Protein backbone atom coordinates (compact mmCIF):
# COMPACT_ATOMS: atom_id res chain seq x y z
CA MET A 1 8.05 -34.07 -2.53
CA ARG A 2 5.92 -30.99 -2.15
CA GLN A 3 6.19 -29.17 1.16
CA ASP A 4 3.69 -26.57 2.29
CA ILE A 5 5.16 -23.47 3.87
CA GLU A 6 3.61 -20.38 5.36
CA ILE A 7 5.18 -16.96 5.22
CA TYR A 8 3.70 -14.26 7.39
CA ILE A 9 4.86 -10.70 6.83
CA GLU A 10 3.74 -8.67 9.80
CA GLU A 11 4.96 -5.34 8.55
CA LEU A 12 6.49 -4.09 5.34
CA LYS A 13 7.69 -0.51 5.32
CA LEU A 14 7.69 1.26 1.99
CA HIS A 15 8.04 4.99 1.88
CA GLY A 16 6.85 7.27 -0.90
CA PHE A 17 4.12 5.03 -2.31
CA SER A 18 0.40 5.60 -2.58
CA HIS A 19 -1.76 3.51 -0.24
CA VAL A 20 -4.06 2.96 -3.22
CA ASP A 21 -1.49 0.58 -4.75
CA ARG A 22 -1.05 -1.60 -1.64
CA TYR A 23 -3.29 -4.49 -2.78
CA ARG A 24 -1.77 -4.73 -6.25
CA PHE A 25 1.67 -4.49 -4.70
CA GLY A 26 0.85 -7.17 -2.10
CA GLN A 27 -0.54 -9.56 -4.68
CA ALA A 28 2.53 -9.15 -6.91
CA LEU A 29 4.82 -9.75 -3.92
CA GLN A 30 2.93 -12.91 -2.97
CA LEU A 31 2.91 -14.32 -6.50
CA GLU A 32 6.60 -13.63 -7.08
CA LEU A 33 7.67 -15.11 -3.72
CA THR A 34 5.60 -18.20 -4.48
CA ARG A 35 7.23 -18.52 -7.89
CA LEU A 36 10.76 -18.09 -6.53
CA ILE A 37 10.30 -20.61 -3.74
CA SER A 38 8.60 -23.11 -6.06
CA GLU A 39 11.29 -22.87 -8.72
CA GLN A 40 14.42 -22.31 -6.64
CA GLY A 41 13.52 -23.72 -3.22
CA LEU A 42 14.77 -22.66 0.19
CA SER A 43 17.91 -23.26 2.18
CA GLN A 44 18.15 -26.52 4.15
CA SER A 45 17.61 -24.74 7.47
CA LEU A 46 14.43 -23.06 6.25
CA SER A 47 13.15 -26.25 4.67
CA ARG A 48 13.13 -27.82 8.14
CA GLY A 49 11.28 -24.86 9.62
CA GLY A 50 12.62 -21.52 10.60
CA ASP A 51 11.63 -18.22 12.02
CA PHE A 52 13.01 -14.81 11.14
CA ALA A 53 12.51 -11.88 13.44
CA ARG A 54 13.51 -9.69 10.52
CA VAL A 55 14.58 -10.11 6.90
CA ASP A 56 16.60 -7.33 5.37
CA GLY A 57 15.41 -6.88 1.81
CA GLY A 58 18.28 -4.54 1.06
CA THR A 59 17.93 -1.72 -1.38
CA PHE A 60 17.20 -1.54 -5.08
CA ASN A 61 16.46 1.09 -7.70
CA ILE A 62 12.97 1.66 -9.00
CA ALA A 63 12.36 3.35 -12.31
CA PRO A 64 10.19 6.47 -12.11
CA ASN A 65 6.47 5.73 -12.52
CA SER A 66 6.92 1.98 -12.00
CA LYS A 67 3.70 0.06 -11.53
CA ALA A 68 2.89 -1.51 -8.17
CA GLU A 69 3.24 -4.98 -9.69
CA VAL A 70 6.81 -4.29 -10.84
CA ILE A 71 7.76 -2.94 -7.43
CA GLY A 72 6.10 -5.93 -5.71
CA ASN A 73 8.21 -8.28 -7.84
CA GLN A 74 11.41 -6.43 -6.96
CA VAL A 75 10.62 -6.49 -3.24
CA ALA A 76 9.82 -10.23 -3.40
CA GLN A 77 13.16 -10.91 -5.09
CA SER A 78 14.99 -8.92 -2.40
CA VAL A 79 13.12 -10.69 0.41
CA TYR A 80 13.85 -14.07 -1.18
CA LYS A 81 17.56 -13.23 -1.26
CA GLY A 82 17.28 -12.43 2.46
CA PHE A 83 15.78 -15.88 3.07
CA ILE A 84 18.59 -17.78 1.39
CA LYS A 85 21.54 -15.85 2.85
């Protein structure tokens, strides 16, 4: 059974990135989160509805000169891990 969910990210703090890349980054983050949730699902508590005041995406390494899309994917994977903890 398909369940519609809505994820609202009020603020995402990334330091050291050009504001020019924000739309490409945002689109990559959205697409990767959608893919992860569609393929791997959510925890039982989130499936019934949940609210996070904050999700800690942790830290990860980014290769020099990485494209915004690659970084967006990495952030989405970290955020997803924060959802299922």
